[in-house]
Amino acid sequence: MEIITLTDDYAGMNTYVVREGDHCFFIDPIRSDELRKAADHCTADFAILTHEHYDHIRGVNGIRKQYPGLQILCGRHAEKGLTDESVNMSKYMVYLLTVIPFGNGKAEENCHYTCSADRTCGDEEIIPWEGHQLYIRETPGHSAGSISILADGQFLFSGDVIFKDYPTATRLPGGSTKKWNEITKPWLEGLPQDIMVYPGHTEPFLLKQRYQK
């Protein structure tokens, strides 16, 4: 399994292209020719959205045109937010970009962006893919629809659920400190500490670098 990281300067958001042989899938696709190049000579099987916030979904409509028939997957509580510009925060990004610690801080005009998913994942779901297992789990707290993807028990694609050097933001639309503390944090702390985390922003890190037992 090869993991290619593409970072969008707009908000420092990471897109991941995961390749195995002549197949690949995307996590949080951005609008970029880099994505097409990273997936060159691959059959793109699907794209997974870690949650419903604009910086992580802004490439969905473009990637549908680029890859006709590509399935877009998200958590069941993220689906509604994809179609609501207040919940996905696209209408507020010009203000949010001035305060979030990622990206180049350049504020674009507010947009009124919406998109849709083709399928939602349940609380826990396993997706077999090219000899690998993708364990999808709801990890609420940052947003109502946040999910994490654990690949082969070794690599965790966490969206904005966890960072090495920043606390998890739980006060945005759909966020919940209570759910973070009761559901997501205990699950993360129970995972093997040598798992490599691929977050929605910033560099990858070992889980033990964030949660030391």
C-alpha atoms as a PDB file:
ATOM      1  CA  MET A   1       0.000   0.000   0.000  1.00  0.00           C
ATOM      2  CA  GLU A   2       1.402   3.358  -1.066  1.00  0.00           C
ATOM      3  CA  ILE A   3       0.116   6.527   0.592  1.00  0.00           C
ATOM      4  CA  ILE A   4       0.600   9.803  -1.301  1.00  0.00           C
ATOM      5  CA  THR A   5      -0.056  13.057   0.544  1.00  0.00           C
ATOM      6  CA  LEU A   6      -1.184  16.191  -1.294  1.00  0.00           C
ATOM      7  CA  THR A   7      -1.558  19.395   0.718  1.00  0.00           C
ATOM      8  CA  ASP A   8      -3.868  22.211  -0.353  1.00  0.00           C
ATOM      9  CA  ASP A   9      -2.418  25.644   0.447  1.00  0.00           C
ATOM     10  CA  TYR A  10      -5.949  27.023   0.820  1.00  0.00           C
ATOM     11  CA  ALA A  11      -6.332  25.644   4.339  1.00  0.00           C
ATOM     12  CA  GLY A  12      -3.362  23.313   4.678  1.00  0.00           C
ATOM     13  CA  MET A  13      -5.717  20.382   4.116  1.00  0.00           C
ATOM     14  CA  ASN A  14      -4.322  16.954   3.270  1.00  0.00           C
ATOM     15  CA  THR A  15      -5.713  14.799   0.513  1.00  0.00           C
ATOM     16  CA  TYR A  16      -4.524  11.204   0.508  1.00  0.00           C
ATOM     17  CA  VAL A  17      -4.209   9.044  -2.589  1.00  0.00           C
ATOM     18  CA  VAL A  18      -3.892   5.415  -1.508  1.00  0.00           C
ATOM     19  CA  ARG A  19      -2.560   3.109  -4.225  1.00  0.00           C
ATOM     20  CA  GLU A  20      -2.242  -0.639  -4.548  1.00  0.00           C
ATOM     21  CA  GLY A  21      -1.108  -1.924  -7.926  1.00  0.00           C
ATOM     22  CA  ASP A  22      -3.293  -0.360 -10.601  1.00  0.00           C
ATOM     23  CA  HIS A  23      -6.065   0.667  -8.187  1.00  0.00           C
ATOM     24  CA  CYS A  24      -6.409   3.636  -5.854  1.00  0.00           C
ATOM     25  CA  PHE A  25      -8.871   5.536  -3.702  1.00  0.00           C
ATOM     26  CA  PHE A  26      -8.975   9.074  -2.348  1.00  0.00           C
ATOM     27  CA  ILE A  27      -9.484  10.545   1.104  1.00  0.00           C
ATOM     28  CA  ASP A  28     -10.813  14.125   1.234  1.00  0.00           C
ATOM     29  CA  PRO A  29     -10.190  14.999  -2.430  1.00  0.00           C
ATOM     30  CA  ILE A  30      -9.038  18.522  -3.290  1.00  0.00           C
ATOM     31  CA  ARG A  31      -9.428  20.413  -6.555  1.00  0.00           C
ATOM     32  CA  SER A  32      -5.981  19.897  -7.989  1.00  0.00           C
ATOM     33  CA  ASP A  33      -4.205  18.534 -11.028  1.00  0.00           C
ATOM     34  CA  GLU A  34      -1.808  16.955  -8.524  1.00  0.00           C
ATOM     35  CA  LEU A  35      -4.507  14.465  -7.575  1.00  0.00           C
ATOM     36  CA  ARG A  36      -4.905  13.368 -11.173  1.00  0.00           C
ATOM     37  CA  LYS A  37      -1.145  12.967 -11.531  1.00  0.00           C
ATOM     38  CA  ALA A  38      -0.875  10.981  -8.289  1.00  0.00           C
ATOM     39  CA  ALA A  39      -3.594   8.627  -9.546  1.00  0.00           C
ATOM     40  CA  ASP A  40      -2.056   8.285 -13.014  1.00  0.00           C
ATOM     41  CA  HIS A  41      -2.501   4.827 -14.558  1.00  0.00           C
ATOM     42  CA  CYS A  42      -4.796   3.814 -11.686  1.00  0.00           C
ATOM     43  CA  THR A  43      -8.427   2.815 -11.562  1.00  0.00           C
ATOM     44  CA  ALA A  44      -9.968   5.159  -8.977  1.00  0.00           C
ATOM     45  CA  ASP A  45     -12.392   2.999  -6.976  1.00  0.00           C
ATOM     46  CA  PHE A  46     -13.971   5.488  -4.551  1.00  0.00           C
ATOM     47  CA  ALA A  47     -13.399   8.557  -2.391  1.00  0.00           C
ATOM     48  CA  ILE A  48     -14.003   8.790   1.352  1.00  0.00           C
ATOM     49  CA  LEU A  49     -14.821  12.035   3.153  1.00  0.00           C
ATOM     50  CA  THR A  50     -13.626  12.157   6.757  1.00  0.00           C
ATOM     51  CA  HIS A  51     -16.254  14.789   7.592  1.00  0.00           C
ATOM     52  CA  GLU A  52     -18.511  17.455   6.170  1.00  0.00           C
ATOM     53  CA  HIS A  53     -16.477  20.669   6.504  1.00  0.00           C
ATOM     54  CA  TYR A  54     -15.814  22.670   3.347  1.00  0.00           C
ATOM     55  CA  ASP A  55     -12.032  22.430   3.267  1.00  0.00           C
ATOM     56  CA  HIS A  56     -12.355  18.619   3.154  1.00  0.00           C
ATOM     57  CA  ILE A  57     -15.149  18.387   0.587  1.00  0.00           C
ATOM     58  CA  ARG A  58     -14.363  21.254  -1.802  1.00  0.00           C
ATOM     59  CA  GLY A  59     -12.989  18.895  -4.425  1.00  0.00           C
ATOM     60  CA  VAL A  60     -15.971  16.538  -4.592  1.00  0.00           C
ATOM     61  CA  ASN A  61     -17.858  18.124  -7.487  1.00  0.00           C
ATOM     62  CA  GLY A  62     -14.684  18.448  -9.514  1.00  0.00           C
ATOM     63  CA  ILE A  63     -13.603  14.870  -8.937  1.00  0.00           C
ATOM     64  CA  ARG A  64     -16.999  13.616 -10.074  1.00  0.00           C
ATOM     65  CA  LYS A  65     -16.332  15.221 -13.453  1.00  0.00           C
ATOM     66  CA  GLN A  66     -12.794  13.918 -13.536  1.00  0.00           C
ATOM     67  CA  TYR A  67     -13.796  10.355 -12.654  1.00  0.00           C
ATOM     68  CA  PRO A  68     -17.350   9.660 -13.884  1.00  0.00           C
ATOM     69  CA  GLY A  69     -19.010   6.954 -11.795  1.00  0.00           C
ATOM     70  CA  LEU A  70     -16.664   7.395  -8.839  1.00  0.00           C
ATOM     71  CA  GLN A  71     -18.485   6.581  -5.576  1.00  0.00           C
ATOM     72  CA  ILE A  72     -18.305   9.188  -2.790  1.00  0.00           C
ATOM     73  CA  LEU A  73     -18.563   7.746   0.742  1.00  0.00           C
ATOM     74  CA  CYS A  74     -19.066   9.575   4.027  1.00  0.00           C
ATOM     75  CA  GLY A  75     -20.301   8.987   7.564  1.00  0.00           C
ATOM     76  CA  ARG A  76     -24.061   8.768   7.988  1.00  0.00           C
ATOM     77  CA  HIS A  77     -24.158  11.948  10.084  1.00  0.00           C
ATOM     78  CA  ALA A  78     -22.094  13.862   7.519  1.00  0.00           C
ATOM     79  CA  GLU A  79     -24.472  13.388   4.597  1.00  0.00           C
ATOM     80  CA  LYS A  80     -26.890  16.174   5.509  1.00  0.00           C
ATOM     81  CA  GLY A  81     -24.080  18.624   6.181  1.00  0.00           C
ATOM     82  CA  LEU A  82     -22.705  18.178   2.682  1.00  0.00           C
ATOM     83  CA  THR A  83     -25.821  19.846   1.306  1.00  0.00           C
ATOM     84  CA  ASP A  84     -25.999  22.650   3.896  1.00  0.00           C
ATOM     85  CA  GLU A  85     -23.615  25.573   3.416  1.00  0.00           C
ATOM     86  CA  SER A  86     -23.971  26.622   7.054  1.00  0.00           C
ATOM     87  CA  VAL A  87     -23.112  23.191   8.428  1.00  0.00           C
ATOM     88  CA  ASN A  88     -20.268  22.607   5.979  1.00  0.00           C
ATOM     89  CA  MET A  89     -19.191  26.200   6.729  1.00  0.00           C
ATOM     90  CA  SER A  90     -18.464  27.161   3.129  1.00  0.00           C
ATOM     91  CA  LYS A  91     -20.335  30.440   3.655  1.00  0.00           C
ATOM     92  CA  TYR A  92     -18.060  31.338   6.576  1.00  0.00           C
ATOM     93  CA  MET A  93     -14.646  30.351   5.218  1.00  0.00           C
ATOM     94  CA  VAL A  94     -13.522  33.888   4.457  1.00  0.00           C
ATOM     95  CA  TYR A  95     -13.651  34.514   8.213  1.00  0.00           C
ATOM     96  CA  LEU A  96     -12.468  31.116   9.396  1.00  0.00           C
ATOM     97  CA  LEU A  97      -9.315  31.261   7.296  1.00  0.00           C
ATOM     98  CA  THR A  98      -8.173  34.263   9.310  1.00  0.00           C
ATOM     99  CA  VAL A  99      -8.122  32.275  12.547  1.00  0.00           C
ATOM    100  CA  ILE A 100      -7.359  28.641  11.740  1.00  0.00           C
ATOM    101  CA  PRO A 101      -3.656  27.722  12.171  1.00  0.00           C
ATOM    102  CA  PHE A 102      -3.335  25.853   8.855  1.00  0.00           C
ATOM    103  CA  GLY A 103      -2.717  26.921   5.270  1.00  0.00           C
ATOM    104  CA  ASN A 104      -1.538  30.235   3.896  1.00  0.00           C
ATOM    105  CA  GLY A 105      -4.294  32.282   5.506  1.00  0.00           C
ATOM    106  CA  LYS A 106      -5.418  33.791   2.216  1.00  0.00           C
ATOM    107  CA  ALA A 107      -9.149  34.406   2.406  1.00  0.00           C
ATOM    108  CA  GLU A 108     -11.176  33.672  -0.679  1.00  0.00           C
ATOM    109  CA  GLU A 109     -14.668  35.011  -1.110  1.00  0.00           C
ATOM    110  CA  ASN A 110     -17.313  33.123   0.782  1.00  0.00           C
ATOM    111  CA  CYS A 111     -18.891  30.539  -1.439  1.00  0.00           C
ATOM    112  CA  HIS A 112     -22.109  28.617  -1.174  1.00  0.00           C
ATOM    113  CA  TYR A 113     -20.765  25.156  -1.809  1.00  0.00           C
ATOM    114  CA  THR A 114     -22.705  21.938  -1.562  1.00  0.00           C
ATOM    115  CA  CYS A 115     -22.133  18.393  -2.770  1.00  0.00           C
ATOM    116  CA  SER A 116     -23.507  14.928  -2.120  1.00  0.00           C
ATOM    117  CA  ALA A 117     -22.409  11.409  -1.254  1.00  0.00           C
ATOM    118  CA  ASP A 118     -23.389   8.185  -2.998  1.00  0.00           C
ATOM    119  CA  ARG A 119     -23.189   6.011   0.098  1.00  0.00           C
ATOM    120  CA  THR A 120     -22.916   6.436   3.845  1.00  0.00           C
ATOM    121  CA  CYS A 121     -21.023   4.244   6.278  1.00  0.00           C
ATOM    122  CA  GLY A 122     -22.499   2.971   9.526  1.00  0.00           C
ATOM    123  CA  ASP A 123     -21.116   3.332  13.039  1.00  0.00           C
ATOM    124  CA  GLU A 124     -18.572   0.643  12.219  1.00  0.00           C
ATOM    125  CA  GLU A 125     -17.932  -0.865   8.823  1.00  0.00           C
ATOM    126  CA  ILE A 126     -15.199  -2.871   7.118  1.00  0.00           C
ATOM    127  CA  ILE A 127     -14.488  -2.253   3.454  1.00  0.00           C
ATOM    128  CA  PRO A 128     -12.261  -4.850   1.776  1.00  0.00           C
ATOM    129  CA  TRP A 129     -10.041  -3.292  -0.876  1.00  0.00           C
ATOM    130  CA  GLU A 130      -7.333  -4.901  -3.005  1.00  0.00           C
ATOM    131  CA  GLY A 131      -6.265  -7.320  -0.277  1.00  0.00           C
ATOM    132  CA  HIS A 132      -6.493  -4.702   2.475  1.00  0.00           C
ATOM    133  CA  GLN A 133      -9.112  -3.978   5.117  1.00  0.00           C
ATOM    134  CA  LEU A 134     -10.414  -0.496   5.731  1.00  0.00           C
ATOM    135  CA  TYR A 135     -12.132  -0.216   9.098  1.00  0.00           C
ATOM    136  CA  ILE A 136     -14.454   2.791   9.098  1.00  0.00           C
ATOM    137  CA  ARG A 137     -15.590   4.068  12.479  1.00  0.00           C
ATOM    138  CA  GLU A 138     -17.653   7.051  13.570  1.00  0.00           C
ATOM    139  CA  THR A 139     -15.470   9.337  15.677  1.00  0.00           C
ATOM    140  CA  PRO A 140     -17.652  12.330  16.595  1.00  0.00           C
ATOM    141  CA  GLY A 141     -16.487  15.403  18.422  1.00  0.00           C
ATOM    142  CA  HIS A 142     -14.972  17.667  15.798  1.00  0.00           C
ATOM    143  CA  SER A 143     -18.166  17.367  13.769  1.00  0.00           C
ATOM    144  CA  ALA A 144     -21.288  15.242  13.851  1.00  0.00           C
ATOM    145  CA  GLY A 145     -20.212  13.304  10.776  1.00  0.00           C
ATOM    146  CA  SER A 146     -16.546  12.702  11.554  1.00  0.00           C
ATOM    147  CA  ILE A 147     -15.212   9.255  10.734  1.00  0.00           C
ATOM    148  CA  SER A 148     -11.766   7.693  10.949  1.00  0.00           C
ATOM    149  CA  ILE A 149     -10.350   5.091   8.591  1.00  0.00           C
ATOM    150  CA  LEU A 150      -8.016   2.454  10.014  1.00  0.00           C
ATOM    151  CA  ALA A 151      -6.217   0.618   7.224  1.00  0.00           C
ATOM    152  CA  ASP A 152      -4.885  -2.871   8.049  1.00  0.00           C
ATOM    153  CA  GLY A 153      -4.715  -1.888  11.712  1.00  0.00           C
ATOM    154  CA  GLN A 154      -1.590   0.144  10.918  1.00  0.00           C
ATOM    155  CA  PHE A 155      -2.525   3.463   9.327  1.00  0.00           C
ATOM    156  CA  LEU A 156      -5.162   5.826  10.711  1.00  0.00           C
ATOM    157  CA  PHE A 157      -6.667   8.496   8.469  1.00  0.00           C
ATOM    158  CA  SER A 158      -8.179  10.745  11.101  1.00  0.00           C
ATOM    159  CA  GLY A 159      -9.484  13.849   9.355  1.00  0.00           C
ATOM    160  CA  ASP A 160      -9.649  16.588  11.996  1.00  0.00           C
ATOM    161  CA  VAL A 161     -10.315  14.178  14.857  1.00  0.00           C
ATOM    162  CA  ILE A 162      -6.753  14.203  16.164  1.00  0.00           C
ATOM    163  CA  PHE A 163      -3.518  16.119  15.660  1.00  0.00           C
ATOM    164  CA  LYS A 164      -0.093  15.761  17.179  1.00  0.00           C
ATOM    165  CA  ASP A 165       0.360  19.339  18.306  1.00  0.00           C
ATOM    166  CA  TYR A 166      -3.122  20.862  18.299  1.00  0.00           C
ATOM    167  CA  PRO A 167      -6.183  20.115  20.423  1.00  0.00           C
ATOM    168  CA  THR A 168      -9.273  18.814  18.655  1.00  0.00           C
ATOM    169  CA  ALA A 169     -11.701  21.626  17.824  1.00  0.00           C
ATOM    170  CA  THR A 170     -15.119  20.626  19.168  1.00  0.00           C
ATOM    171  CA  ARG A 171     -17.013  23.935  19.075  1.00  0.00           C
ATOM    172  CA  LEU A 172     -17.674  24.210  15.359  1.00  0.00           C
ATOM    173  CA  PRO A 173     -21.115  23.372  13.932  1.00  0.00           C
ATOM    174  CA  GLY A 174     -21.964  19.779  14.844  1.00  0.00           C
ATOM    175  CA  GLY A 175     -19.046  19.492  17.241  1.00  0.00           C
ATOM    176  CA  SER A 176     -19.392  18.010  20.709  1.00  0.00           C
ATOM    177  CA  THR A 177     -16.857  17.955  23.523  1.00  0.00           C
ATOM    178  CA  LYS A 178     -19.054  15.406  25.308  1.00  0.00           C
ATOM    179  CA  LYS A 179     -19.013  12.950  22.379  1.00  0.00           C
ATOM    180  CA  TRP A 180     -15.302  13.493  21.896  1.00  0.00           C
ATOM    181  CA  ASN A 181     -14.595  12.611  25.527  1.00  0.00           C
ATOM    182  CA  GLU A 182     -17.062   9.734  25.769  1.00  0.00           C
ATOM    183  CA  ILE A 183     -16.702   8.055  22.357  1.00  0.00           C
ATOM    184  CA  THR A 184     -13.722   9.142  20.305  1.00  0.00           C
ATOM    185  CA  LYS A 185     -10.971   9.826  22.824  1.00  0.00           C
ATOM    186  CA  PRO A 186     -11.277   6.431  24.613  1.00  0.00           C
ATOM    187  CA  TRP A 187     -11.221   4.593  21.276  1.00  0.00           C
ATOM    188  CA  LEU A 188      -8.093   6.435  20.144  1.00  0.00           C
ATOM    189  CA  GLU A 189      -6.372   5.811  23.439  1.00  0.00           C
ATOM    190  CA  GLY A 190      -7.146   2.092  23.149  1.00  0.00           C
ATOM    191  CA  LEU A 191      -5.450   1.689  19.775  1.00  0.00           C
ATOM    192  CA  PRO A 192      -1.886   0.344  19.449  1.00  0.00           C
ATOM    193  CA  GLN A 193       0.493   3.205  20.033  1.00  0.00           C
ATOM    194  CA  ASP A 194       2.676   2.456  16.998  1.00  0.00           C
ATOM    195  CA  ILE A 195      -0.123   3.251  14.551  1.00  0.00           C
ATOM    196  CA  MET A 196       0.826   5.953  12.065  1.00  0.00           C
ATOM    197  CA  VAL A 197      -1.736   8.759  11.966  1.00  0.00           C
ATOM    198  CA  TYR A 198      -2.426  10.636   8.744  1.00  0.00           C
ATOM    199  CA  PRO A 199      -4.377  13.728   9.864  1.00  0.00           C
ATOM    200  CA  GLY A 200      -6.499  16.156   7.886  1.00  0.00           C
ATOM    201  CA  HIS A 201      -3.878  18.877   8.412  1.00  0.00           C
ATOM    202  CA  THR A 202      -0.167  18.839   9.348  1.00  0.00           C
ATOM    203  CA  GLU A 203       2.340  16.003   9.076  1.00  0.00           C
ATOM    204  CA  PRO A 204       1.781  12.304   9.901  1.00  0.00           C
ATOM    205  CA  PHE A 205       2.807  11.129  13.361  1.00  0.00           C
ATOM    206  CA  LEU A 206       2.833   8.051  15.558  1.00  0.00           C
ATOM    207  CA  LEU A 207      -0.174   7.808  17.837  1.00  0.00           C
ATOM    208  CA  LYS A 208       2.096   7.513  20.873  1.00  0.00           C
ATOM    209  CA  GLN A 209       3.433  10.981  20.115  1.00  0.00           C
ATOM    210  CA  ARG A 210      -0.011  12.388  20.949  1.00  0.00           C
ATOM    211  CA  TYR A 211      -1.252  10.049  23.637  1.00  0.00           C
ATOM    212  CA  GLN A 212       1.425   8.738  25.968  1.00  0.00           C
ATOM    213  CA  LYS A 213       0.285   6.019  28.362  1.00  0.00           C
END
